[in-house]
Protein backbone atom coordinates (compact mmCIF):
# COMPACT_ATOMS: atom_id res chain seq x y z
CA MET A 1 5.11 -13.20 11.09
CA LEU A 2 3.62 -11.62 7.14
CA PRO A 3 2.77 -14.57 5.94
CA ALA A 4 1.76 -14.64 1.65
CA ALA A 5 -2.04 -14.15 1.53
CA PRO A 6 -4.42 -16.08 -0.57
CA ALA A 7 -5.04 -15.14 -3.95
CA ARG A 8 -8.10 -13.42 -4.59
CA SER A 9 -10.03 -12.53 -7.79
CA ALA A 10 -11.18 -9.17 -8.63
CA SER A 11 -15.22 -10.27 -7.62
CA THR A 12 -13.89 -10.87 -3.88
CA ARG A 13 -12.34 -7.29 -3.98
CA ASN A 14 -12.33 -6.27 -0.63
CA ASP A 15 -15.81 -5.16 0.99
CA HIS A 16 -16.21 -3.18 4.83
CA ARG A 17 -16.88 -6.42 6.80
CA SER A 18 -13.12 -8.20 5.47
CA PRO A 19 -9.51 -6.96 6.93
CA LEU A 20 -8.13 -5.03 4.46
CA ARG A 21 -5.43 -5.83 2.66
CA VAL A 22 -2.29 -4.15 2.86
CA LEU A 23 1.12 -4.36 0.96
CA VAL A 24 4.53 -3.00 2.29
CA VAL A 25 7.03 -2.76 -0.28
CA ASP A 26 10.30 -1.41 1.86
CA ASP A 27 14.39 -3.08 0.93
CA CYS A 28 15.15 -2.62 4.75
CA PRO A 29 13.56 -5.59 6.33
CA ASP A 30 13.14 -4.20 9.90
CA ASN A 31 11.59 -1.36 8.38
CA ALA A 32 9.03 -3.91 6.53
CA VAL A 33 8.02 -6.09 9.61
CA VAL A 34 7.36 -2.86 11.58
CA LEU A 35 5.29 -1.33 9.78
CA GLY A 36 3.89 -4.35 8.86
CA GLU A 37 3.11 -5.42 12.30
CA VAL A 38 1.72 -1.73 13.00
CA MET A 39 -0.53 -2.64 9.75
CA GLU A 40 -1.58 -5.54 11.42
CA GLY A 41 -2.23 -3.80 14.88
CA PHE A 42 -4.81 -1.93 12.88
CA GLY A 43 -6.56 -5.30 11.75
CA CYS A 44 -5.56 -5.12 8.49
CA ASP A 45 -3.98 -8.55 6.46
CA VAL A 46 -0.23 -7.75 5.19
CA LEU A 47 1.88 -8.91 3.11
CA ALA A 48 5.54 -7.45 3.01
CA CYS A 49 7.81 -7.44 0.21
CA LEU A 50 11.53 -6.53 0.35
CA SER A 51 11.66 -5.60 -3.65
CA GLY A 52 9.85 -3.52 -5.96
CA GLU A 53 10.20 -6.88 -8.52
CA GLN A 54 8.70 -9.24 -5.58
CA ALA A 55 5.89 -6.50 -5.23
CA LEU A 56 4.92 -6.42 -8.95
CA HIS A 57 4.32 -9.98 -8.80
CA ALA A 58 2.60 -10.10 -5.32
CA ALA A 59 0.35 -7.70 -5.83
CA ALA A 60 -1.43 -9.59 -8.91
CA ALA A 61 -2.06 -12.28 -6.92
CA TYR A 62 -2.79 -10.03 -3.46
CA LEU A 63 -4.38 -7.19 -4.87
CA PRO A 64 -4.14 -4.82 -2.41
CA ASP A 65 -6.15 -2.50 -0.77
CA VAL A 66 -3.41 -0.12 0.28
CA VAL A 67 -0.03 -0.28 -0.91
CA ILE A 68 2.57 1.69 1.22
CA LEU A 69 5.58 1.58 -1.14
CA ASP A 70 9.74 3.12 0.17
CA LEU A 71 10.62 5.33 -2.61
CA ALA A 72 14.71 4.69 -2.55
CA MET A 73 14.98 1.15 -3.20
CA PRO A 74 17.60 -0.51 -5.46
CA ARG A 75 16.76 -1.44 -8.80
CA LEU A 76 13.14 -0.42 -9.45
CA ASP A 77 12.30 2.77 -6.97
CA GLY A 78 9.01 3.79 -5.47
CA TYR A 79 8.22 5.55 -8.71
CA GLU A 80 8.91 3.07 -11.05
CA VAL A 81 6.71 0.52 -9.20
CA ILE A 82 4.14 2.73 -8.44
CA ARG A 83 3.94 3.81 -12.33
CA GLU A 84 3.78 -0.45 -13.17
CA MET A 85 1.10 -1.12 -10.47
CA ARG A 86 -1.04 1.74 -11.78
CA ARG A 87 -1.43 -0.31 -14.87
CA GLU A 88 -3.46 -3.37 -13.59
CA SER A 89 -7.37 -3.03 -13.10
CA TRP A 90 -6.56 -3.68 -9.34
CA ALA A 91 -4.71 -0.76 -8.76
CA ARG A 92 -7.94 1.25 -9.31
CA SER A 93 -9.67 1.01 -6.40
CA ALA A 94 -6.39 0.81 -4.19
CA LEU A 95 -4.72 3.43 -1.98
CA PHE A 96 -1.36 4.43 -2.56
CA VAL A 97 0.69 5.74 0.10
CA ALA A 98 4.79 6.80 -0.44
CA HIS A 99 6.84 6.24 2.61
CA SER A 100 10.26 8.13 2.78
CA GLY A 101 13.36 9.92 3.71
CA PHE A 102 12.89 12.28 1.20
CA ALA A 103 10.72 15.20 2.17
CA SER A 104 11.23 17.93 0.08
CA ARG A 105 8.72 19.73 -1.88
CA GLU A 106 9.90 18.45 -5.07
CA TYR A 107 9.79 15.05 -3.60
CA ILE A 108 6.69 15.16 -2.28
CA ALA A 109 5.23 16.97 -5.44
CA ARG A 110 6.92 14.05 -7.59
CA SER A 111 4.87 11.41 -5.32
CA TYR A 112 1.48 13.15 -5.81
CA GLY A 113 2.47 13.39 -9.96
CA ALA A 114 2.98 9.79 -9.90
CA GLY A 115 -0.40 9.06 -8.65
CA PHE A 116 0.84 8.65 -4.86
CA HIS A 117 -2.54 9.45 -2.52
CA PHE A 118 -0.61 10.59 0.46
CA HIS A 119 3.50 10.94 1.38
CA LEU A 120 4.63 10.35 4.11
CA ASN A 121 8.03 11.30 5.67
CA LYS A 122 9.95 8.62 7.55
CA PRO A 123 9.40 8.29 10.48
CA ALA A 124 5.70 8.48 9.91
CA ARG A 125 3.60 8.92 13.19
CA LEU A 126 1.42 6.15 13.96
CA GLU A 127 -1.54 8.68 13.52
CA GLU A 128 -0.65 9.15 9.81
CA PHE A 129 -1.29 5.67 8.83
CA GLN A 130 -4.21 5.27 10.82
CA ARG A 131 -5.73 7.88 9.37
CA ILE A 132 -5.27 6.31 6.13
CA ILE A 133 -6.25 3.08 6.90
CA GLU A 134 -9.84 4.69 8.13
CA THR A 135 -9.48 6.38 4.88
CA SER A 136 -9.34 3.23 2.88
CA ARG A 137 -12.10 1.52 5.02
CA ALA A 138 -14.39 4.29 4.19
CA ARG A 139 -13.64 4.34 0.48
CA PHE A 140 -14.38 0.38 0.48
CA ALA A 141 -17.78 0.83 2.93
CA THR A 142 -18.96 3.57 0.48
CA HIS A 143 -18.18 1.61 -2.35
CA CYS A 144 -20.06 -1.59 -1.02
CA ALA A 145 -22.88 0.65 -0.23
CA ASP A 146 -23.29 1.99 -3.92
CA ALA A 147 -22.96 -1.08 -5.59
CA ARG A 148 -26.11 -2.48 -3.48
């Protein structure tokens, strides 16, 4: 479950015909596995990482289309991870999702301020994740149509 996908170049970024690549980052293995299975159920390729450090190393080769980040992780939290990821060229077209038990207005505002597109409170409903995947697919379909 959740094997590493082969590396790809920026020229082979996702298009509307291939599965979205979703990077799931959560320090709780059960959360990472369950969320990965949900994403696979939506037809996505999934790579799960159990730390911010792992995610930073994996993302450069994986080039995810969607990154779902837990905020409360040891060593590098989700805010630090997105700050580092946002410096990479691949991140310009990725969707970033904060997935957190921190549900106050302050944490939600901090998530959007850090560059997340969505903030989902744990446990998020399947419909919320499905909406995000559909949004991402629509973005790539539009991008591919514009590139023609």
